[in-house]
Amino acid sequence: MDVFEAMGTCRAMRHLTPDPVPEELIDRVMWAATRAPSPGNTQGWDFVVVTDQARRAAIGAAVREAMGDRVSRMTHHDRTSRLMLEGTQNLIDTLGAAPVIILVCGPVIYPYDAPREQFTWSALYPAAQNILLAARALGLGTVFTSLFRAAEPAIRAELGIPEEIRIAALIPMGWPAREFGPVNRQPVERFVHRDGWEGVKRHHGPPL
């Protein structure tokens, strides 16, 4: 699968099977994560890859307890939001059964003489995107989530993540229990400004 097919079919996969993921595939995904760009080539990444059953269960329980039925009470504005929220609720309910949970983390280290947090995210988010694309190319499902925020103290304690380390994403990874397919995106011309800002009519409503 080439990179363009991976990008075009890398749907958020919130339904995963509990089947284990071979270590060699996890290693390939993490190799891809560390090919991402970073400010000053600092490579200020840390990836906590959780496959231990007890720790995965603890993370899932912490998120489920913190989130409760919050998602189920959210308003479904359209089909897209309904599917997203239903998938999110399923992910909350089954997170602990995901065969792999990856925390994308990193320190505030750049510039060296006056480190600023914005540069930390500049390293972590591209690395997270590489994880999603590499997993898709290998037939694995993932979804970029901020679910860790709801139970961050408990997750930090369970995994021993120091307070000074920033967490950018929690990414469950496993074999998809739903079909991949084209991502739902608006036409490119709605977003591209050629040689200046004028001439683009931007759509600011819900996804088409």
Protein backbone atom coordinates (compact mmCIF):
# COMPACT_ATOMS: atom_id res chain seq x y z
CA MET A 1 0.00 0.00 0.00
CA ASP A 2 1.46 3.36 -0.98
CA VAL A 3 1.30 6.40 1.27
CA PHE A 4 -1.51 8.05 -0.69
CA GLU A 5 -3.80 5.03 -0.35
CA ALA A 6 -2.99 4.88 3.37
CA MET A 7 -3.87 8.56 3.78
CA GLY A 8 -7.06 8.23 1.77
CA THR A 9 -8.37 5.23 3.74
CA CYS A 10 -7.02 5.89 7.24
CA ARG A 11 -10.37 6.08 8.98
CA ALA A 12 -10.57 6.46 12.74
CA MET A 13 -11.06 2.87 13.89
CA ARG A 14 -12.98 2.84 17.18
CA HIS A 15 -13.94 -0.83 16.94
CA LEU A 16 -11.03 -3.24 17.37
CA THR A 17 -10.83 -6.96 17.90
CA PRO A 18 -8.98 -8.24 20.99
CA ASP A 19 -6.66 -10.40 18.86
CA PRO A 20 -2.98 -9.82 19.66
CA VAL A 21 -0.74 -7.78 17.37
CA PRO A 22 2.62 -9.41 16.55
CA GLU A 23 5.62 -7.68 18.10
CA GLU A 24 7.26 -7.24 14.70
CA LEU A 25 4.32 -5.12 13.53
CA ILE A 26 4.44 -3.02 16.69
CA ASP A 27 8.16 -2.49 16.07
CA ARG A 28 7.50 -1.36 12.49
CA VAL A 29 4.88 1.13 13.64
CA MET A 30 7.24 2.55 16.25
CA TRP A 31 10.02 2.80 13.67
CA ALA A 32 7.65 4.91 11.56
CA ALA A 33 6.84 7.10 14.56
CA THR A 34 10.51 7.96 14.98
CA ARG A 35 10.86 8.96 11.30
CA ALA A 36 8.68 12.02 11.95
CA PRO A 37 10.12 15.54 11.83
CA SER A 38 10.91 17.42 15.03
CA PRO A 39 12.13 20.96 15.83
CA GLY A 40 15.89 21.13 15.43
CA ASN A 41 15.88 17.35 14.90
CA THR A 42 15.64 17.07 18.68
CA GLN A 43 13.62 13.84 18.41
CA GLY A 44 12.03 14.65 21.75
CA TRP A 45 9.68 11.68 21.78
CA ASP A 46 8.76 9.03 24.29
CA PHE A 47 6.30 6.27 23.43
CA VAL A 48 4.73 4.17 26.16
CA VAL A 49 3.58 1.01 24.39
CA VAL A 50 1.21 -0.96 26.62
CA THR A 51 0.52 -4.61 25.83
CA ASP A 52 0.38 -5.97 29.40
CA GLN A 53 -3.18 -7.14 29.96
CA ALA A 54 -3.49 -5.86 33.53
CA ARG A 55 -2.20 -2.40 32.64
CA ARG A 56 -4.43 -2.14 29.59
CA ALA A 57 -7.40 -3.11 31.74
CA ALA A 58 -6.43 -0.50 34.34
CA ILE A 59 -6.23 2.23 31.70
CA GLY A 60 -9.60 1.20 30.27
CA ALA A 61 -11.21 1.16 33.69
CA ALA A 62 -9.80 4.58 34.57
CA VAL A 63 -11.12 6.14 31.36
CA ARG A 64 -14.50 4.44 31.70
CA GLU A 65 -14.89 5.62 35.29
CA ALA A 66 -13.90 9.19 34.42
CA MET A 67 -16.06 9.42 31.30
CA GLY A 68 -19.10 7.55 32.62
CA ASP A 69 -22.05 8.09 30.31
CA ARG A 70 -20.89 11.55 29.26
CA VAL A 71 -20.62 10.65 25.58
CA SER A 72 -24.01 8.93 25.45
CA ARG A 73 -25.61 12.19 26.64
CA MET A 74 -24.05 14.30 23.89
CA THR A 75 -26.24 15.60 21.07
CA HIS A 76 -26.16 13.90 17.67
CA HIS A 77 -26.27 16.80 15.22
CA ASP A 78 -26.05 14.67 12.07
CA ARG A 79 -25.13 11.20 10.84
CA THR A 80 -21.41 11.94 11.06
CA SER A 81 -21.57 13.05 14.69
CA ARG A 82 -23.88 10.15 15.57
CA LEU A 83 -21.45 7.59 14.16
CA MET A 84 -18.49 9.31 15.79
CA LEU A 85 -20.14 9.45 19.21
CA GLU A 86 -21.39 5.88 19.00
CA GLY A 87 -17.89 4.76 18.07
CA THR A 88 -16.39 6.81 20.89
CA GLN A 89 -18.74 5.23 23.41
CA ASN A 90 -17.75 1.79 22.15
CA LEU A 91 -14.08 2.72 22.45
CA ILE A 92 -14.56 3.89 26.04
CA ASP A 93 -16.37 0.65 26.88
CA THR A 94 -13.75 -1.58 25.24
CA LEU A 95 -10.49 0.37 25.56
CA GLY A 96 -9.01 -2.07 28.04
CA ALA A 97 -9.45 -4.90 25.53
CA ALA A 98 -7.49 -3.15 22.77
CA PRO A 99 -4.39 -5.31 22.23
CA VAL A 100 -2.06 -2.30 22.13
CA ILE A 101 -2.36 1.14 23.72
CA ILE A 102 0.25 3.74 22.75
CA LEU A 103 0.85 6.96 24.69
CA VAL A 104 2.70 9.57 22.62
CA CYS A 105 4.71 11.65 25.08
CA GLY A 106 7.69 13.97 25.28
CA PRO A 107 9.62 16.53 27.31
CA VAL A 108 9.80 20.30 26.89
CA ILE A 109 13.39 20.63 25.62
CA TYR A 110 13.56 23.03 22.65
CA PRO A 111 15.06 25.55 22.09
CA TYR A 112 17.78 24.34 24.43
CA ASP A 113 18.48 27.76 25.94
CA ALA A 114 14.78 28.60 26.52
CA PRO A 115 12.50 25.57 26.03
CA ARG A 116 8.92 26.28 24.97
CA GLU A 117 6.04 23.84 25.12
CA GLN A 118 4.75 24.64 21.64
CA PHE A 119 7.82 22.94 20.18
CA THR A 120 7.02 19.77 22.10
CA TRP A 121 3.69 19.43 20.29
CA SER A 122 5.48 20.16 17.00
CA ALA A 123 7.38 16.91 17.55
CA LEU A 124 4.66 14.75 19.10
CA TYR A 125 1.78 15.33 16.69
CA PRO A 126 3.73 14.39 13.52
CA ALA A 127 4.96 11.26 15.30
CA ALA A 128 1.37 10.36 16.20
CA GLN A 129 0.27 10.83 12.58
CA ASN A 130 3.06 8.53 11.42
CA ILE A 131 1.74 5.89 13.83
CA LEU A 132 -1.74 6.12 12.29
CA LEU A 133 -0.47 5.89 8.71
CA ALA A 134 2.01 3.07 9.37
CA ALA A 135 -0.65 1.06 11.18
CA ARG A 136 -3.08 1.55 8.29
CA ALA A 137 -0.44 0.39 5.80
CA LEU A 138 -0.03 -2.79 7.85
CA GLY A 139 -3.78 -3.41 8.01
CA LEU A 140 -4.08 -2.31 11.63
CA GLY A 141 -6.72 0.05 12.99
CA THR A 142 -6.00 3.07 15.17
CA VAL A 143 -7.63 6.26 16.33
CA PHE A 144 -6.03 9.44 17.67
CA THR A 145 -7.69 10.21 21.01
CA SER A 146 -7.43 12.59 23.95
CA LEU A 147 -9.19 10.12 26.26
CA PHE A 148 -6.17 10.14 28.57
CA ARG A 149 -7.11 13.66 29.70
CA ALA A 150 -10.22 12.39 31.48
CA ALA A 151 -8.13 10.08 33.66
CA GLU A 152 -4.63 11.53 33.32
CA PRO A 153 -3.56 11.28 37.00
CA ALA A 154 -4.58 7.61 37.16
CA ILE A 155 -2.91 6.78 33.84
CA ARG A 156 0.29 8.60 34.81
CA ALA A 157 0.38 6.71 38.09
CA GLU A 158 -0.30 3.33 36.45
CA LEU A 159 2.46 3.81 33.86
CA GLY A 160 4.90 5.89 35.91
CA ILE A 161 4.89 8.83 33.48
CA PRO A 162 6.62 11.80 35.15
CA GLU A 163 4.65 15.01 35.60
CA GLU A 164 7.09 17.03 33.49
CA ILE A 165 6.46 14.80 30.47
CA ARG A 166 3.67 16.00 28.19
CA ILE A 167 1.16 13.53 26.76
CA ALA A 168 -0.11 14.33 23.27
CA ALA A 169 -2.29 11.33 22.43
CA LEU A 170 -3.57 7.96 23.49
CA ILE A 171 -3.76 5.65 20.47
CA PRO A 172 -5.40 2.23 20.76
CA MET A 173 -4.16 -0.12 18.03
CA GLY A 174 -5.37 -3.51 16.87
CA TRP A 175 -7.05 -5.43 14.09
CA PRO A 176 -10.11 -3.55 12.83
CA ALA A 177 -13.58 -4.87 13.58
CA ARG A 178 -15.04 -2.58 10.90
CA GLU A 179 -14.16 -2.00 7.26
CA PHE A 180 -11.66 0.59 6.13
CA GLY A 181 -12.82 2.92 3.38
CA PRO A 182 -12.35 6.39 1.93
CA VAL A 183 -12.13 9.12 4.55
CA ASN A 184 -14.94 11.70 4.44
CA ARG A 185 -13.32 14.98 3.47
CA GLN A 186 -14.42 18.18 1.75
CA PRO A 187 -12.95 19.00 -1.69
CA VAL A 188 -9.34 20.16 -1.69
CA GLU A 189 -10.22 23.46 -3.37
CA ARG A 190 -12.15 24.54 -0.25
CA PHE A 191 -8.88 24.77 1.65
CA VAL A 192 -6.10 25.67 -0.79
CA HIS A 193 -5.18 29.35 -1.23
CA ARG A 194 -3.07 29.94 -4.35
CA ASP A 195 -0.59 32.82 -4.13
CA GLY A 196 -2.62 34.58 -1.46
CA TRP A 197 -5.76 34.37 0.67
CA GLU A 198 -8.35 35.70 -1.79
CA GLY A 199 -10.47 33.54 -4.01
CA VAL A 200 -11.32 30.69 -1.63
CA LYS A 201 -14.87 30.24 -0.41
CA ARG A 202 -14.43 28.37 2.85
CA HIS A 203 -17.12 26.08 4.21
CA HIS A 204 -17.39 26.50 7.97
CA GLY A 205 -20.36 24.24 8.65
CA PRO A 206 -20.40 20.60 9.76
CA PRO A 207 -18.62 17.99 7.61
CA LEU A 208 -20.25 17.24 4.29
